[in-house]
Amino acid sequence: MRCDEVMRERSAPGVHLDRSALAEHLASCPRCASWSAQADQLDSIWDDTRPAELSGPAFDAIWAKATVAASEPEILPFVPTPAWKRWGVGLLALAQAAGILIACLYALSRPTPAVAAVHDYQIEEGTTLVVRLDGGPGEITSVEVRPQRGRSDTDMVAVDLDVLNYMESEQFE
């Protein structure tokens, strides 16, 4: 016999069990012998702890009650749902719908960024343009075009340095 045949016969013995071949394999294979000993222990524990089998009349009485219970539909009493559950489910559905609506509206109509008013200014080389944004985002409060007073250290090569120098001077307030 092979190991898988031994385990199958020990788990669910068939009608044509060859006990001599089984005993010979268990004597020569330590793995199957160990498994068989554990199966014997499990069988003995099951025999000691399983419930007693029902007698014929007791089984027939239980079966008759089960048949009657299965053939008659059970009618449950009507229990109304509490108002707080009905309102809670409704409010939850309304909140979800509002969230989806807000998300869709935002996705479909993204706000355009605020752009300051566009003006045409004639600015000559050597002048400084001062733009004040004190009114808030995107709102220009004043625009000044100032001619350059004297020569700058940078000669307008780097405008940002001229602006910083002007902002650090005492004239800027």
C-alpha atoms as a PDB file:
ATOM      1  CA  MET A   1       0.000   0.000   0.000  1.00  0.00           C
ATOM      2  CA  ARG A   2       1.042   3.609  -0.507  1.00  0.00           C
ATOM      3  CA  CYS A   3       0.878   6.294   2.192  1.00  0.00           C
ATOM      4  CA  ASP A   4      -2.122   8.094   0.654  1.00  0.00           C
ATOM      5  CA  GLU A   5      -4.080   4.806   0.489  1.00  0.00           C
ATOM      6  CA  VAL A   6      -3.302   4.113   4.159  1.00  0.00           C
ATOM      7  CA  MET A   7      -4.510   7.553   5.229  1.00  0.00           C
ATOM      8  CA  ARG A   8      -7.669   7.199   3.146  1.00  0.00           C
ATOM      9  CA  GLU A   9      -8.441   3.776   4.643  1.00  0.00           C
ATOM     10  CA  ARG A  10      -7.774   5.003   8.190  1.00  0.00           C
ATOM     11  CA  SER A  11      -9.933   8.123   7.684  1.00  0.00           C
ATOM     12  CA  ALA A  12     -12.882   6.400   6.014  1.00  0.00           C
ATOM     13  CA  PRO A  13     -12.517   2.631   5.976  1.00  0.00           C
ATOM     14  CA  GLY A  14     -13.990   0.975   2.913  1.00  0.00           C
ATOM     15  CA  VAL A  15     -15.719  -2.370   2.524  1.00  0.00           C
ATOM     16  CA  HIS A  16     -12.720  -4.139   1.025  1.00  0.00           C
ATOM     17  CA  LEU A  17     -10.077  -3.203   3.618  1.00  0.00           C
ATOM     18  CA  ASP A  18      -6.981  -5.383   3.445  1.00  0.00           C
ATOM     19  CA  ARG A  19      -5.940  -5.421   7.121  1.00  0.00           C
ATOM     20  CA  SER A  20      -2.735  -7.396   6.527  1.00  0.00           C
ATOM     21  CA  ALA A  21      -1.431  -4.889   3.929  1.00  0.00           C
ATOM     22  CA  LEU A  22      -2.391  -2.013   6.220  1.00  0.00           C
ATOM     23  CA  ALA A  23      -0.597  -3.559   9.215  1.00  0.00           C
ATOM     24  CA  GLU A  24       2.485  -4.300   7.057  1.00  0.00           C
ATOM     25  CA  HIS A  25       2.671  -0.694   5.812  1.00  0.00           C
ATOM     26  CA  LEU A  26       2.191   0.752   9.315  1.00  0.00           C
ATOM     27  CA  ALA A  27       5.042  -1.479  10.594  1.00  0.00           C
ATOM     28  CA  SER A  28       7.417  -0.270   7.832  1.00  0.00           C
ATOM     29  CA  CYS A  29       6.454   3.472   7.604  1.00  0.00           C
ATOM     30  CA  PRO A  30       7.029   5.542  10.781  1.00  0.00           C
ATOM     31  CA  ARG A  31       5.182   8.578   9.378  1.00  0.00           C
ATOM     32  CA  CYS A  32       1.995   6.608   8.708  1.00  0.00           C
ATOM     33  CA  ALA A  33       2.336   4.797  12.045  1.00  0.00           C
ATOM     34  CA  SER A  34       2.487   8.147  13.882  1.00  0.00           C
ATOM     35  CA  TRP A  35      -0.480   9.491  11.918  1.00  0.00           C
ATOM     36  CA  SER A  36      -2.451   6.309  12.617  1.00  0.00           C
ATOM     37  CA  ALA A  37      -1.728   6.553  16.370  1.00  0.00           C
ATOM     38  CA  GLN A  38      -2.990  10.151  16.400  1.00  0.00           C
ATOM     39  CA  ALA A  39      -6.126   9.101  14.471  1.00  0.00           C
ATOM     40  CA  ASP A  40      -6.737   6.338  17.055  1.00  0.00           C
ATOM     41  CA  GLN A  41      -6.456   8.909  19.886  1.00  0.00           C
ATOM     42  CA  LEU A  42      -8.931  11.193  18.128  1.00  0.00           C
ATOM     43  CA  ASP A  43     -11.363   8.327  17.613  1.00  0.00           C
ATOM     44  CA  SER A  44     -11.187   7.390  21.300  1.00  0.00           C
ATOM     45  CA  ILE A  45     -11.786  11.021  22.366  1.00  0.00           C
ATOM     46  CA  TRP A  46     -14.786  11.216  20.001  1.00  0.00           C
ATOM     47  CA  ASP A  47     -16.225   7.968  21.356  1.00  0.00           C
ATOM     48  CA  ASP A  48     -15.903   9.284  24.929  1.00  0.00           C
ATOM     49  CA  THR A  49     -17.432  12.710  24.307  1.00  0.00           C
ATOM     50  CA  ARG A  50     -20.071  12.318  21.590  1.00  0.00           C
ATOM     51  CA  PRO A  51     -23.721  12.599  22.596  1.00  0.00           C
ATOM     52  CA  ALA A  52     -25.848   9.524  22.888  1.00  0.00           C
ATOM     53  CA  GLU A  53     -27.859   8.606  19.824  1.00  0.00           C
ATOM     54  CA  LEU A  54     -31.565   9.265  19.923  1.00  0.00           C
ATOM     55  CA  SER A  55     -34.013   6.416  20.150  1.00  0.00           C
ATOM     56  CA  GLY A  56     -36.419   5.841  17.288  1.00  0.00           C
ATOM     57  CA  PRO A  57     -39.509   7.393  18.964  1.00  0.00           C
ATOM     58  CA  ALA A  58     -37.555  10.478  20.143  1.00  0.00           C
ATOM     59  CA  PHE A  59     -36.181  11.051  16.640  1.00  0.00           C
ATOM     60  CA  ASP A  60     -39.652  10.612  15.093  1.00  0.00           C
ATOM     61  CA  ALA A  61     -41.155  13.187  17.516  1.00  0.00           C
ATOM     62  CA  ILE A  62     -38.451  15.747  16.731  1.00  0.00           C
ATOM     63  CA  TRP A  63     -38.820  15.143  12.999  1.00  0.00           C
ATOM     64  CA  ALA A  64     -42.614  15.575  13.157  1.00  0.00           C
ATOM     65  CA  LYS A  65     -42.217  18.944  14.962  1.00  0.00           C
ATOM     66  CA  ALA A  66     -39.655  20.095  12.380  1.00  0.00           C
ATOM     67  CA  THR A  67     -41.956  19.106   9.500  1.00  0.00           C
ATOM     68  CA  VAL A  68     -44.927  21.011  10.996  1.00  0.00           C
ATOM     69  CA  ALA A  69     -42.784  24.099  11.676  1.00  0.00           C
ATOM     70  CA  ALA A  70     -41.402  24.085   8.133  1.00  0.00           C
ATOM     71  CA  SER A  71     -44.823  23.718   6.498  1.00  0.00           C
ATOM     72  CA  GLU A  72     -46.475  26.643   8.350  1.00  0.00           C
ATOM     73  CA  PRO A  73     -45.169  30.119   7.548  1.00  0.00           C
ATOM     74  CA  GLU A  74     -44.267  32.136  10.591  1.00  0.00           C
ATOM     75  CA  ILE A  75     -45.990  35.493  10.670  1.00  0.00           C
ATOM     76  CA  LEU A  76     -43.936  38.071  12.455  1.00  0.00           C
ATOM     77  CA  PRO A  77     -45.685  40.908  14.259  1.00  0.00           C
ATOM     78  CA  PHE A  78     -45.441  44.363  12.684  1.00  0.00           C
ATOM     79  CA  VAL A  79     -42.955  46.500  14.533  1.00  0.00           C
ATOM     80  CA  PRO A  80     -42.817  50.078  13.258  1.00  0.00           C
ATOM     81  CA  THR A  81     -39.416  51.614  12.698  1.00  0.00           C
ATOM     82  CA  PRO A  82     -38.617  54.378  15.180  1.00  0.00           C
ATOM     83  CA  ALA A  83     -38.888  57.894  13.795  1.00  0.00           C
ATOM     84  CA  TRP A  84     -35.252  58.726  14.549  1.00  0.00           C
ATOM     85  CA  LYS A  85     -34.119  55.879  12.288  1.00  0.00           C
ATOM     86  CA  ARG A  86     -36.336  57.033   9.424  1.00  0.00           C
ATOM     87  CA  TRP A  87     -35.151  60.640   9.768  1.00  0.00           C
ATOM     88  CA  GLY A  88     -31.543  59.538  10.223  1.00  0.00           C
ATOM     89  CA  VAL A  89     -31.541  57.520   7.025  1.00  0.00           C
ATOM     90  CA  GLY A  90     -33.237  60.351   5.149  1.00  0.00           C
ATOM     91  CA  LEU A  91     -30.790  62.976   6.431  1.00  0.00           C
ATOM     92  CA  LEU A  92     -27.832  60.745   5.626  1.00  0.00           C
ATOM     93  CA  ALA A  93     -29.064  60.272   2.070  1.00  0.00           C
ATOM     94  CA  LEU A  94     -29.654  64.032   1.744  1.00  0.00           C
ATOM     95  CA  ALA A  95     -26.137  64.810   3.020  1.00  0.00           C
ATOM     96  CA  GLN A  96     -24.599  62.364   0.573  1.00  0.00           C
ATOM     97  CA  ALA A  97     -26.588  63.845  -2.312  1.00  0.00           C
ATOM     98  CA  ALA A  98     -25.517  67.370  -1.313  1.00  0.00           C
ATOM     99  CA  GLY A  99     -21.875  66.298  -1.145  1.00  0.00           C
ATOM    100  CA  ILE A 100     -22.055  64.704  -4.582  1.00  0.00           C
ATOM    101  CA  LEU A 101     -23.799  67.793  -6.000  1.00  0.00           C
ATOM    102  CA  ILE A 102     -21.149  70.133  -4.571  1.00  0.00           C
ATOM    103  CA  ALA A 103     -18.347  67.949  -5.932  1.00  0.00           C
ATOM    104  CA  CYS A 104     -19.947  67.838  -9.396  1.00  0.00           C
ATOM    105  CA  LEU A 105     -20.555  71.589  -9.487  1.00  0.00           C
ATOM    106  CA  TYR A 106     -16.991  72.280  -8.414  1.00  0.00           C
ATOM    107  CA  ALA A 107     -15.586  69.869 -11.003  1.00  0.00           C
ATOM    108  CA  LEU A 108     -17.737  71.281 -13.809  1.00  0.00           C
ATOM    109  CA  SER A 109     -17.225  74.984 -13.067  1.00  0.00           C
ATOM    110  CA  ARG A 110     -13.826  75.572 -11.589  1.00  0.00           C
ATOM    111  CA  PRO A 111     -13.434  79.170 -10.432  1.00  0.00           C
ATOM    112  CA  THR A 112     -11.286  81.352 -12.637  1.00  0.00           C
ATOM    113  CA  PRO A 113      -8.465  83.108 -10.841  1.00  0.00           C
ATOM    114  CA  ALA A 114      -8.953  86.803 -10.197  1.00  0.00           C
ATOM    115  CA  VAL A 115      -6.920  88.905 -12.610  1.00  0.00           C
ATOM    116  CA  ALA A 116      -6.092  92.523 -12.000  1.00  0.00           C
ATOM    117  CA  ALA A 117      -7.438  95.091 -14.417  1.00  0.00           C
ATOM    118  CA  VAL A 118      -5.231  95.459 -17.469  1.00  0.00           C
ATOM    119  CA  HIS A 119      -4.059  98.976 -18.364  1.00  0.00           C
ATOM    120  CA  ASP A 120      -1.788 100.201 -21.112  1.00  0.00           C
ATOM    121  CA  TYR A 121       1.076 102.254 -19.770  1.00  0.00           C
ATOM    122  CA  GLN A 122       3.746 103.904 -21.856  1.00  0.00           C
ATOM    123  CA  ILE A 123       6.899 103.208 -19.929  1.00  0.00           C
ATOM    124  CA  GLU A 124      10.184 104.460 -21.207  1.00  0.00           C
ATOM    125  CA  GLU A 125      13.497 102.861 -20.497  1.00  0.00           C
ATOM    126  CA  GLY A 126      14.951 104.151 -17.287  1.00  0.00           C
ATOM    127  CA  THR A 127      11.649 104.564 -15.440  1.00  0.00           C
ATOM    128  CA  THR A 128      10.336 102.584 -12.519  1.00  0.00           C
ATOM    129  CA  LEU A 129       6.830 101.162 -12.330  1.00  0.00           C
ATOM    130  CA  VAL A 130       5.447 100.899  -8.788  1.00  0.00           C
ATOM    131  CA  VAL A 131       2.278  98.824  -8.395  1.00  0.00           C
ATOM    132  CA  ARG A 132       0.530  98.693  -5.031  1.00  0.00           C
ATOM    133  CA  LEU A 133      -1.737  95.782  -4.226  1.00  0.00           C
ATOM    134  CA  ASP A 134      -3.015  97.011  -0.859  1.00  0.00           C
ATOM    135  CA  GLY A 135      -6.688  96.437  -1.697  1.00  0.00           C
ATOM    136  CA  GLY A 136      -6.617  92.642  -1.509  1.00  0.00           C
ATOM    137  CA  PRO A 137      -5.939  89.776  -3.870  1.00  0.00           C
ATOM    138  CA  GLY A 138      -6.120  90.859  -7.493  1.00  0.00           C
ATOM    139  CA  GLU A 139      -6.994  94.495  -6.688  1.00  0.00           C
ATOM    140  CA  ILE A 140      -4.542  97.189  -7.678  1.00  0.00           C
ATOM    141  CA  THR A 141      -4.890 100.325  -5.569  1.00  0.00           C
ATOM    142  CA  SER A 142      -2.410 102.528  -7.405  1.00  0.00           C
ATOM    143  CA  VAL A 143       0.125 102.534 -10.201  1.00  0.00           C
ATOM    144  CA  GLU A 144       2.938 105.054 -10.321  1.00  0.00           C
ATOM    145  CA  VAL A 145       5.406 105.602 -13.125  1.00  0.00           C
ATOM    146  CA  ARG A 146       8.454 107.319 -11.692  1.00  0.00           C
ATOM    147  CA  PRO A 147      11.376 108.491 -13.769  1.00  0.00           C
ATOM    148  CA  GLN A 148      14.700 107.241 -12.623  1.00  0.00           C
ATOM    149  CA  ARG A 149      16.530 109.755 -10.431  1.00  0.00           C
ATOM    150  CA  GLY A 150      20.129 109.562 -11.357  1.00  0.00           C
ATOM    151  CA  ARG A 151      21.930 106.512 -12.487  1.00  0.00           C
ATOM    152  CA  SER A 152      21.420 103.275 -10.639  1.00  0.00           C
ATOM    153  CA  ASP A 153      24.217 100.966  -9.621  1.00  0.00           C
ATOM    154  CA  THR A 154      22.691  98.317 -11.827  1.00  0.00           C
ATOM    155  CA  ASP A 155      21.747 100.544 -14.807  1.00  0.00           C
ATOM    156  CA  MET A 156      18.396  98.723 -15.057  1.00  0.00           C
ATOM    157  CA  VAL A 157      20.168  95.480 -15.855  1.00  0.00           C
ATOM    158  CA  ALA A 158      18.423  93.786 -12.972  1.00  0.00           C
ATOM    159  CA  VAL A 159      15.082  95.470 -12.360  1.00  0.00           C
ATOM    160  CA  ASP A 160      14.395  93.482  -9.232  1.00  0.00           C
ATOM    161  CA  LEU A 161      17.514  94.946  -7.607  1.00  0.00           C
ATOM    162  CA  ASP A 162      16.341  98.453  -8.452  1.00  0.00           C
ATOM    163  CA  VAL A 163      12.939  97.746  -6.916  1.00  0.00           C
ATOM    164  CA  LEU A 164      14.513  96.315  -3.769  1.00  0.00           C
ATOM    165  CA  ASN A 165      16.885  99.256  -3.503  1.00  0.00           C
ATOM    166  CA  TYR A 166      13.973 101.665  -3.880  1.00  0.00           C
ATOM    167  CA  MET A 167      11.906  99.803  -1.251  1.00  0.00           C
ATOM    168  CA  GLU A 168      14.821  99.930   1.195  1.00  0.00           C
ATOM    169  CA  SER A 169      15.337 103.641   0.673  1.00  0.00           C
ATOM    170  CA  GLU A 170      13.835 106.262   2.948  1.00  0.00           C
ATOM    171  CA  GLN A 171      11.578 107.597   0.196  1.00  0.00           C
ATOM    172  CA  PHE A 172       9.411 104.459   0.173  1.00  0.00           C
ATOM    173  CA  GLU A 173       6.765 104.531   2.864  1.00  0.00           C
END
